[in-house]
N, C-alpha and C. Protein backbone atom coordinates (compact mmCIF):
# COMPACT_ATOMS: atom_id res chain seq x y z
N MET A 1 1.43 67.67 18.28
CA MET A 1 2.79 66.66 18.88
C MET A 1 3.11 65.91 17.53
N ASN A 2 3.92 65.20 17.43
CA ASN A 2 4.74 64.57 16.82
C ASN A 2 4.74 62.87 16.74
N ARG A 3 3.96 62.40 15.87
CA ARG A 3 3.59 60.58 15.94
C ARG A 3 5.07 60.25 15.48
N ALA A 4 5.32 59.56 16.21
CA ALA A 4 6.43 58.25 15.44
C ALA A 4 5.65 57.52 14.36
N LYS A 5 6.30 56.80 13.44
CA LYS A 5 6.07 55.59 12.57
C LYS A 5 7.34 54.77 12.83
N GLY A 6 6.62 53.80 12.24
CA GLY A 6 7.21 52.59 12.08
C GLY A 6 7.22 51.80 13.60
N PHE A 7 8.22 50.07 13.54
CA PHE A 7 7.66 49.88 14.99
C PHE A 7 8.41 49.74 16.10
N THR A 8 8.11 49.00 17.19
CA THR A 8 9.06 49.18 18.59
C THR A 8 10.10 48.17 18.41
N LEU A 9 10.79 47.35 19.16
CA LEU A 9 11.76 47.28 19.00
C LEU A 9 10.43 45.68 20.05
N ILE A 10 9.75 46.08 20.31
CA ILE A 10 9.30 44.64 20.87
C ILE A 10 8.55 43.99 19.89
N GLU A 11 8.06 44.67 19.13
CA GLU A 11 6.73 44.29 18.44
C GLU A 11 8.20 43.14 17.29
N LEU A 12 9.10 44.12 17.24
CA LEU A 12 10.40 42.92 16.18
C LEU A 12 10.75 41.76 16.70
N VAL A 13 10.75 42.01 17.99
CA VAL A 13 10.82 40.60 18.69
C VAL A 13 9.96 39.65 19.22
N MET A 14 8.83 39.91 18.51
CA MET A 14 7.99 39.37 18.65
C MET A 14 7.65 38.42 17.48
N VAL A 15 7.70 39.18 16.19
CA VAL A 15 7.63 38.88 14.96
C VAL A 15 8.97 37.15 15.26
N ILE A 16 9.65 38.13 15.43
CA ILE A 16 11.14 36.81 15.07
C ILE A 16 10.60 35.36 16.34
N VAL A 17 10.41 35.50 17.14
CA VAL A 17 9.69 34.92 18.05
C VAL A 17 8.99 33.93 17.50
N ILE A 18 7.58 34.36 16.95
CA ILE A 18 6.02 34.05 16.13
C ILE A 18 7.53 32.68 15.12
N LEU A 19 7.95 33.72 13.88
CA LEU A 19 8.71 32.79 12.97
C LEU A 19 9.74 31.73 13.22
N GLY A 20 10.05 31.76 14.56
CA GLY A 20 10.88 30.79 14.84
C GLY A 20 10.14 29.74 15.48
N ILE A 21 9.34 29.77 16.03
CA ILE A 21 8.36 28.83 16.27
C ILE A 21 8.24 28.55 15.35
N LEU A 22 6.99 28.26 14.33
CA LEU A 22 6.53 28.14 12.90
C LEU A 22 7.68 27.39 12.39
N ALA A 23 9.50 27.90 11.86
CA ALA A 23 10.71 27.10 11.29
C ALA A 23 10.50 25.51 12.31
N ALA A 24 10.68 25.98 13.89
CA ALA A 24 10.77 25.26 14.39
C ALA A 24 9.59 23.81 13.76
N THR A 25 8.27 23.87 14.06
CA THR A 25 7.98 22.44 13.88
C THR A 25 7.76 22.54 12.67
N ALA A 26 7.67 23.21 11.76
CA ALA A 26 7.87 23.06 10.39
C ALA A 26 8.63 22.42 9.48
N LEU A 27 10.16 22.52 10.39
CA LEU A 27 11.31 21.69 9.96
C LEU A 27 11.40 20.15 9.88
N PRO A 28 10.70 19.67 10.66
CA PRO A 28 11.26 18.64 10.99
C PRO A 28 10.56 17.45 9.60
N LYS A 29 9.48 17.99 9.13
CA LYS A 29 8.21 17.86 7.48
C LYS A 29 9.55 18.16 7.27
N PHE A 30 10.18 18.57 6.58
CA PHE A 30 11.11 19.17 5.76
C PHE A 30 12.50 17.70 5.15
N ILE A 31 12.86 17.34 6.85
CA ILE A 31 13.87 16.55 6.81
C ILE A 31 13.78 15.96 6.49
N ASP A 32 12.62 14.60 6.70
CA ASP A 32 11.71 13.22 6.35
C ASP A 32 11.96 13.42 4.91
N THR A 33 11.53 14.30 4.05
CA THR A 33 11.40 13.85 2.58
C THR A 33 11.48 13.11 1.72
N THR A 34 13.34 12.44 2.24
CA THR A 34 14.16 11.23 1.82
C THR A 34 14.19 10.79 2.07
N GLY A 35 13.65 10.25 3.76
CA GLY A 35 13.23 8.79 4.03
C GLY A 35 11.71 8.46 3.20
N GLU A 36 10.67 9.41 2.68
CA GLU A 36 9.19 9.42 2.70
C GLU A 36 9.96 9.29 1.28
N ALA A 37 11.19 9.16 0.19
CA ALA A 37 11.01 9.13 -1.07
C ALA A 37 11.92 7.62 -1.34
N ARG A 38 12.18 7.49 -0.26
CA ARG A 38 12.97 5.91 -0.41
C ARG A 38 12.64 4.75 0.07
N THR A 39 11.15 5.08 0.66
CA THR A 39 10.41 4.23 1.09
C THR A 39 9.27 4.21 -0.41
N ALA A 40 8.67 5.99 -1.24
CA ALA A 40 7.85 5.44 -2.22
C ALA A 40 8.92 4.89 -3.49
N ALA A 41 10.14 4.78 -3.80
CA ALA A 41 11.22 3.41 -4.46
C ALA A 41 11.22 3.17 -4.44
N VAL A 42 11.12 2.13 -3.27
CA VAL A 42 11.14 0.27 -2.80
C VAL A 42 9.51 0.38 -2.97
N ALA A 43 8.61 0.74 -2.63
CA ALA A 43 6.95 0.82 -3.21
C ALA A 43 6.53 0.66 -4.43
N GLY A 44 7.51 1.26 -5.30
CA GLY A 44 7.66 1.44 -6.90
C GLY A 44 7.95 0.13 -7.77
N ILE A 45 9.44 -0.06 -6.76
CA ILE A 45 10.18 -1.05 -7.11
C ILE A 45 9.41 -2.47 -7.81
N VAL A 46 8.97 -2.30 -6.19
CA VAL A 46 7.77 -4.33 -5.47
C VAL A 46 7.05 -3.79 -6.62
N GLY A 47 6.29 -2.50 -6.54
CA GLY A 47 5.01 -2.78 -7.75
C GLY A 47 5.50 -3.13 -8.87
N GLY A 48 6.65 -2.40 -9.13
CA GLY A 48 6.63 -3.32 -11.17
C GLY A 48 7.58 -4.86 -11.08
N LEU A 49 7.86 -5.33 -9.58
CA LEU A 49 8.37 -6.63 -10.09
C LEU A 49 6.80 -7.77 -9.77
N GLY A 50 6.41 -7.05 -8.87
CA GLY A 50 4.93 -7.92 -9.08
C GLY A 50 4.10 -7.62 -10.06
N SER A 51 4.16 -6.93 -10.35
CA SER A 51 3.71 -6.92 -12.22
C SER A 51 3.85 -7.73 -13.25
N SER A 52 5.60 -7.17 -13.06
CA SER A 52 6.31 -8.06 -14.43
C SER A 52 6.37 -9.33 -13.65
N ASN A 53 6.68 -10.20 -12.92
CA ASN A 53 6.18 -11.12 -12.22
C ASN A 53 4.50 -11.99 -13.03
N ALA A 54 3.37 -11.29 -13.11
CA ALA A 54 2.56 -11.76 -12.96
C ALA A 54 2.74 -12.00 -14.38
N VAL A 55 3.07 -11.06 -15.14
CA VAL A 55 2.75 -11.54 -16.61
C VAL A 55 3.67 -12.49 -17.06
N ASN A 56 4.20 -12.38 -16.81
CA ASN A 56 5.95 -13.99 -16.94
C ASN A 56 5.03 -15.18 -16.47
N TYR A 57 4.04 -15.55 -15.27
CA TYR A 57 3.63 -16.47 -14.84
C TYR A 57 2.44 -16.86 -15.59
N ALA A 58 1.91 -15.45 -16.20
CA ALA A 58 0.47 -15.83 -17.20
C ALA A 58 1.15 -16.21 -18.61
N GLY A 59 2.77 -15.55 -19.50
CA GLY A 59 2.82 -15.82 -20.30
C GLY A 59 3.64 -18.00 -20.22
N SER A 60 4.34 -18.10 -18.78
CA SER A 60 4.26 -19.57 -18.71
C SER A 60 3.06 -20.37 -19.27
N LEU A 61 2.31 -20.05 -18.30
CA LEU A 61 0.44 -20.77 -18.25
C LEU A 61 0.34 -21.05 -20.08
N ALA A 62 0.33 -19.50 -20.53
CA ALA A 62 0.25 -19.50 -22.23
C ALA A 62 0.29 -20.53 -22.44
N LYS A 63 1.97 -20.67 -21.97
CA LYS A 63 2.95 -21.77 -23.00
C LYS A 63 2.75 -22.67 -22.51
N GLY A 64 1.70 -22.96 -21.79
CA GLY A 64 1.64 -24.70 -22.01
C GLY A 64 2.11 -25.27 -20.45
N GLN A 65 2.74 -24.31 -19.58
CA GLN A 65 3.29 -24.60 -17.97
C GLN A 65 1.91 -26.06 -17.55
N VAL A 66 2.81 -26.63 -16.26
CA VAL A 66 1.40 -27.26 -15.72
C VAL A 66 1.99 -26.75 -14.51
N VAL A 67 0.75 -26.13 -13.88
CA VAL A 67 0.52 -26.21 -12.24
C VAL A 67 1.41 -27.06 -11.78
N GLY A 68 2.07 -27.12 -11.28
CA GLY A 68 2.15 -28.81 -9.60
C GLY A 68 3.42 -29.21 -10.21
N THR A 69 3.53 -28.80 -11.47
CA THR A 69 4.70 -29.68 -11.99
C THR A 69 6.44 -29.41 -11.59
N ALA A 70 7.40 -30.31 -11.09
CA ALA A 70 8.19 -29.61 -10.12
C ALA A 70 9.32 -28.84 -11.24
N LEU A 71 10.04 -27.82 -10.82
CA LEU A 71 10.30 -26.95 -11.40
C LEU A 71 11.30 -27.18 -12.50
N ALA A 72 11.98 -28.20 -11.42
CA ALA A 72 13.75 -28.97 -11.94
C ALA A 72 13.31 -29.65 -13.24
N SER A 73 12.29 -30.12 -13.18
CA SER A 73 11.84 -31.09 -15.05
C SER A 73 11.40 -30.62 -15.91
N ALA A 74 10.66 -29.51 -15.59
CA ALA A 74 9.98 -28.69 -16.61
C ALA A 74 10.96 -27.95 -17.32
N THR A 75 9.79 -28.21 -18.08
CA THR A 75 11.17 -27.91 -19.53
C THR A 75 10.92 -25.76 -20.14
N GLY A 76 12.48 -25.72 -20.03
CA GLY A 76 12.35 -24.22 -20.65
C GLY A 76 11.60 -23.70 -21.94
N ILE A 77 10.90 -22.51 -21.45
CA ILE A 77 9.99 -21.62 -22.47
C ILE A 77 10.44 -20.54 -22.95
N LEU A 78 10.73 -20.23 -24.55
CA LEU A 78 11.57 -19.33 -24.47
C LEU A 78 11.00 -18.20 -24.19
N GLY A 79 11.16 -16.72 -23.51
CA GLY A 79 10.47 -15.75 -23.22
C GLY A 79 10.17 -15.60 -21.38
N ILE A 80 10.28 -16.73 -21.20
CA ILE A 80 9.75 -17.17 -20.03
C ILE A 80 11.05 -17.18 -18.77
N THR A 81 10.98 -16.02 -17.68
CA THR A 81 11.62 -16.14 -16.75
C THR A 81 11.84 -17.14 -15.97
N ASP A 82 13.18 -17.91 -15.84
CA ASP A 82 13.05 -19.39 -14.60
C ASP A 82 13.18 -18.62 -13.16
N THR A 83 12.17 -18.96 -12.73
CA THR A 83 12.61 -18.47 -11.48
C THR A 83 13.02 -19.55 -10.22
N THR A 84 13.49 -20.22 -10.99
CA THR A 84 14.29 -21.59 -9.87
C THR A 84 15.81 -21.32 -8.75
N ALA A 85 16.14 -19.86 -9.59
CA ALA A 85 17.63 -19.13 -9.20
C ALA A 85 16.66 -18.35 -8.06
N GLY A 86 15.18 -18.54 -6.83
CA GLY A 86 14.69 -17.87 -6.43
C GLY A 86 14.70 -16.39 -6.40
N CYS A 87 14.52 -15.71 -4.88
CA CYS A 87 13.93 -13.84 -5.22
C CYS A 87 15.16 -13.65 -6.02
N THR A 88 16.33 -13.64 -5.42
CA THR A 88 17.33 -12.47 -5.22
C THR A 88 18.19 -12.91 -7.53
N ASN A 89 18.53 -13.42 -7.53
CA ASN A 89 18.73 -14.13 -8.94
C ASN A 89 17.83 -13.66 -9.60
N THR A 90 16.56 -14.08 -9.56
CA THR A 90 15.46 -14.37 -10.35
C THR A 90 15.05 -12.57 -10.76
N VAL A 91 15.45 -11.97 -9.73
CA VAL A 91 14.67 -10.84 -10.26
C VAL A 91 16.06 -9.37 -10.74
N ALA A 92 17.20 -9.64 -9.94
CA ALA A 92 18.34 -9.37 -10.90
C ALA A 92 18.63 -9.56 -12.06
N GLY A 93 18.08 -10.81 -11.72
CA GLY A 93 18.95 -11.14 -13.63
C GLY A 93 18.27 -11.20 -15.21
N ASN A 94 16.40 -10.00 -14.14
CA ASN A 94 15.61 -10.35 -15.73
C ASN A 94 14.40 -9.36 -15.10
N LEU A 95 13.59 -9.29 -13.87
CA LEU A 95 12.65 -9.28 -14.13
C LEU A 95 12.09 -7.06 -14.51
N VAL A 96 13.78 -6.49 -13.70
CA VAL A 96 13.10 -5.37 -14.17
C VAL A 96 14.66 -4.67 -14.31
N ASP A 97 14.58 -4.03 -15.58
CA ASP A 97 15.68 -3.16 -16.34
C ASP A 97 15.62 -1.99 -15.54
N GLY A 98 16.97 -1.24 -15.11
CA GLY A 98 17.24 0.66 -14.87
C GLY A 98 17.20 0.39 -13.65
N VAL A 99 17.51 -1.15 -12.48
CA VAL A 99 17.36 -1.39 -11.33
C VAL A 99 18.51 -1.33 -10.81
N VAL A 100 19.16 -1.72 -9.60
CA VAL A 100 20.82 -1.69 -9.42
C VAL A 100 20.01 -2.78 -8.17
N PHE A 101 20.93 -4.30 -8.46
CA PHE A 101 20.16 -4.53 -7.15
C PHE A 101 21.93 -5.58 -6.96
N ALA A 102 21.96 -5.15 -5.40
CA ALA A 102 23.12 -5.38 -5.38
C ALA A 102 23.14 -5.88 -3.72
N ALA A 103 23.94 -6.21 -2.94
CA ALA A 103 24.04 -6.97 -1.66
C ALA A 103 24.02 -5.67 -1.39
N SER A 104 25.27 -4.83 -1.49
CA SER A 104 25.57 -3.25 -0.60
C SER A 104 25.55 -2.23 -1.90
N GLY A 105 25.70 -0.80 -1.47
CA GLY A 105 25.91 0.29 -2.38
C GLY A 105 25.20 1.25 -2.28
N SER A 106 25.78 2.40 -2.35
CA SER A 106 24.87 3.44 -2.15
C SER A 106 23.59 3.37 -3.76
N GLY A 107 22.67 3.46 -3.62
CA GLY A 107 21.49 3.88 -4.47
C GLY A 107 20.93 2.20 -5.11
N SER A 108 21.45 1.68 -4.86
CA SER A 108 20.70 0.08 -5.12
C SER A 108 20.14 -0.69 -3.86
N TYR A 109 20.05 -1.93 -4.24
CA TYR A 109 18.69 -2.17 -3.56
C TYR A 109 18.92 -3.89 -3.46
N ALA A 110 18.73 -4.05 -2.29
CA ALA A 110 18.50 -6.03 -2.06
C ALA A 110 17.84 -7.58 -2.30
N VAL A 111 17.40 -7.59 -2.52
CA VAL A 111 16.72 -8.62 -2.55
C VAL A 111 16.45 -10.06 -1.84
N SER A 112 15.60 -10.48 -1.22
CA SER A 112 16.22 -11.51 -0.42
C SER A 112 14.62 -12.37 -0.53
N GLY A 113 14.85 -13.86 0.10
CA GLY A 113 14.01 -14.39 -0.17
C GLY A 113 14.37 -15.89 -1.02
N SER A 114 13.74 -16.79 -0.56
CA SER A 114 13.18 -18.33 -1.55
C SER A 114 13.07 -18.64 -2.97
N SER A 115 13.56 -20.12 -2.94
CA SER A 115 13.32 -20.54 -4.65
C SER A 115 11.56 -21.59 -4.34
N PRO A 116 11.26 -20.88 -5.31
CA PRO A 116 9.75 -22.26 -5.56
C PRO A 116 10.15 -23.43 -6.11
N THR A 117 9.48 -24.13 -5.10
CA THR A 117 9.49 -25.26 -5.94
C THR A 117 9.25 -26.09 -6.96
N ASN A 118 7.26 -25.79 -7.73
CA ASN A 118 6.86 -26.27 -8.59
C ASN A 118 6.02 -25.25 -9.10
N VAL A 119 5.94 -25.03 -10.53
CA VAL A 119 5.23 -24.10 -11.57
C VAL A 119 3.52 -23.99 -10.24
N GLY A 120 3.70 -22.43 -10.48
CA GLY A 120 2.74 -21.92 -9.55
C GLY A 120 2.76 -21.89 -8.06
N ASP A 121 3.75 -22.19 -7.60
CA ASP A 121 4.06 -22.39 -6.03
C ASP A 121 4.61 -20.45 -5.70
N THR A 122 3.60 -20.38 -4.78
CA THR A 122 5.31 -18.79 -4.31
C THR A 122 5.49 -18.71 -3.20
N VAL A 123 6.42 -17.81 -2.98
CA VAL A 123 7.06 -17.41 -2.77
C VAL A 123 7.11 -15.71 -2.34
N THR A 124 7.38 -15.49 -0.80
CA THR A 124 7.60 -13.88 -0.52
C THR A 124 9.05 -13.49 -0.91
N CYS A 125 9.13 -12.42 -1.60
CA CYS A 125 10.45 -11.80 -2.06
C CYS A 125 10.55 -10.37 -0.77
N THR A 126 11.68 -10.30 -0.27
CA THR A 126 11.48 -8.81 0.30
C THR A 126 12.88 -8.03 -0.78
N VAL A 127 12.50 -6.77 -0.79
CA VAL A 127 12.86 -5.69 -1.24
C VAL A 127 13.46 -4.70 -0.57
N THR A 128 14.76 -4.03 -0.03
CA THR A 128 15.09 -3.45 0.86
C THR A 128 16.01 -2.12 -0.08
N SER A 129 16.15 -1.40 0.40
CA SER A 129 17.33 0.07 0.24
C SER A 129 18.10 0.16 0.62
N ASN A 130 19.12 -0.25 0.51
CA ASN A 130 20.77 -0.50 1.18
C ASN A 130 20.99 1.10 1.43
N ASP A 131 20.20 2.27 0.60
CA ASP A 131 20.61 3.57 1.72
C ASP A 131 20.22 3.44 2.76
N ASP A 132 18.95 2.66 3.22
CA ASP A 132 18.44 2.51 5.03
C ASP A 132 17.60 1.53 4.81
N SER A 133 17.76 0.27 5.60
CA SER A 133 17.48 -0.87 5.55
C SER A 133 15.79 -0.84 6.17
N THR A 134 15.48 0.16 6.99
CA THR A 134 14.32 0.26 7.07
C THR A 134 13.26 0.74 6.48
N LYS A 135 13.58 0.69 4.85
CA LYS A 135 12.59 0.99 3.69
C LYS A 135 12.86 -0.29 3.00
N SER A 136 11.64 -1.32 3.26
CA SER A 136 11.41 -2.71 2.25
C SER A 136 10.14 -2.64 2.62
N ALA A 137 9.74 -3.69 1.54
CA ALA A 137 8.57 -4.30 0.78
C ALA A 137 8.84 -5.44 0.10
N THR A 138 7.74 -6.56 0.46
CA THR A 138 7.19 -7.68 -0.04
C THR A 138 6.61 -7.44 -1.62
N PHE A 139 6.93 -8.48 -2.50
CA PHE A 139 6.12 -9.42 -3.53
C PHE A 139 6.23 -10.24 -3.62
N VAL A 140 5.21 -11.20 -4.59
CA VAL A 140 4.86 -12.98 -4.31
C VAL A 140 5.35 -13.20 -5.67
N LEU A 141 6.50 -13.90 -5.54
CA LEU A 141 7.36 -14.59 -7.14
C LEU A 141 6.89 -15.94 -6.97
N THR A 142 6.10 -16.08 -8.29
CA THR A 142 5.38 -17.32 -8.75
C THR A 142 6.22 -18.13 -9.84
N GLY A 143 6.69 -19.48 -9.23
CA GLY A 143 7.35 -20.59 -9.96
C GLY A 143 7.13 -20.40 -10.92
N THR A 144 8.00 -19.94 -12.27
CA THR A 144 7.55 -20.55 -13.91
C THR A 144 9.42 -21.32 -13.79
N LYS A 145 9.24 -22.02 -15.24
CA LYS A 145 10.61 -22.39 -16.31
C LYS A 145 10.66 -22.19 -17.38
């Protein structure tokens, strides 16, 4: 008797069905990588902003600023970023290089928050991706002048 070699049509269809099921369950994981990348980018920027602000504040204390002094009457110190303009202007102008901060536009980030009143006062600032407004994170801005 002659034995047939190869796969039957039913076996091939079953393999295709199983591969289709696996692809359907794995596809959403690959589609959401853009959102995860934006979340990571915002978190990275906020981490950098928080660190640079801490260094800025430490420098202001080392150069003689007195905690509790009103920012409007404090003397400007060379090399220290003035935070009286609040979150948006301080961040966009000074604390981070290589990141585009704008009200809108692809690949940029918006910063919002208030202004500290005195040296050492803290306010919470929010950084939001303009590509996806659900991707945001916060950092603390400490008053210096």
